């Protein structure tokens, strides 16, 4: 079961904005932020905010994936009994 909020994310963000919908896209954004920090291309406060958001997103995503898997398994077990 996919979250409605995820489905409503703007698919055409402005500029080079990374839409974080998967762990792979979170990793891509995190890697980009590290590069920008090293090159002094981003304000430290903005970098901290984005890294904080990513670090909170990852466990949320993982829990959501596990919840979806458990729900799928429960539905299949109920269907076979």
Foldseek 3Di string as FASTA:
>chain_A
DDDPVLVPPPPDDPDPDQDDDDLVSLVVVLVVLVVCVVVVNDDPVVSVVSVVVSVVVVVVVVVVVVVVVVVVVVVVVVVVD
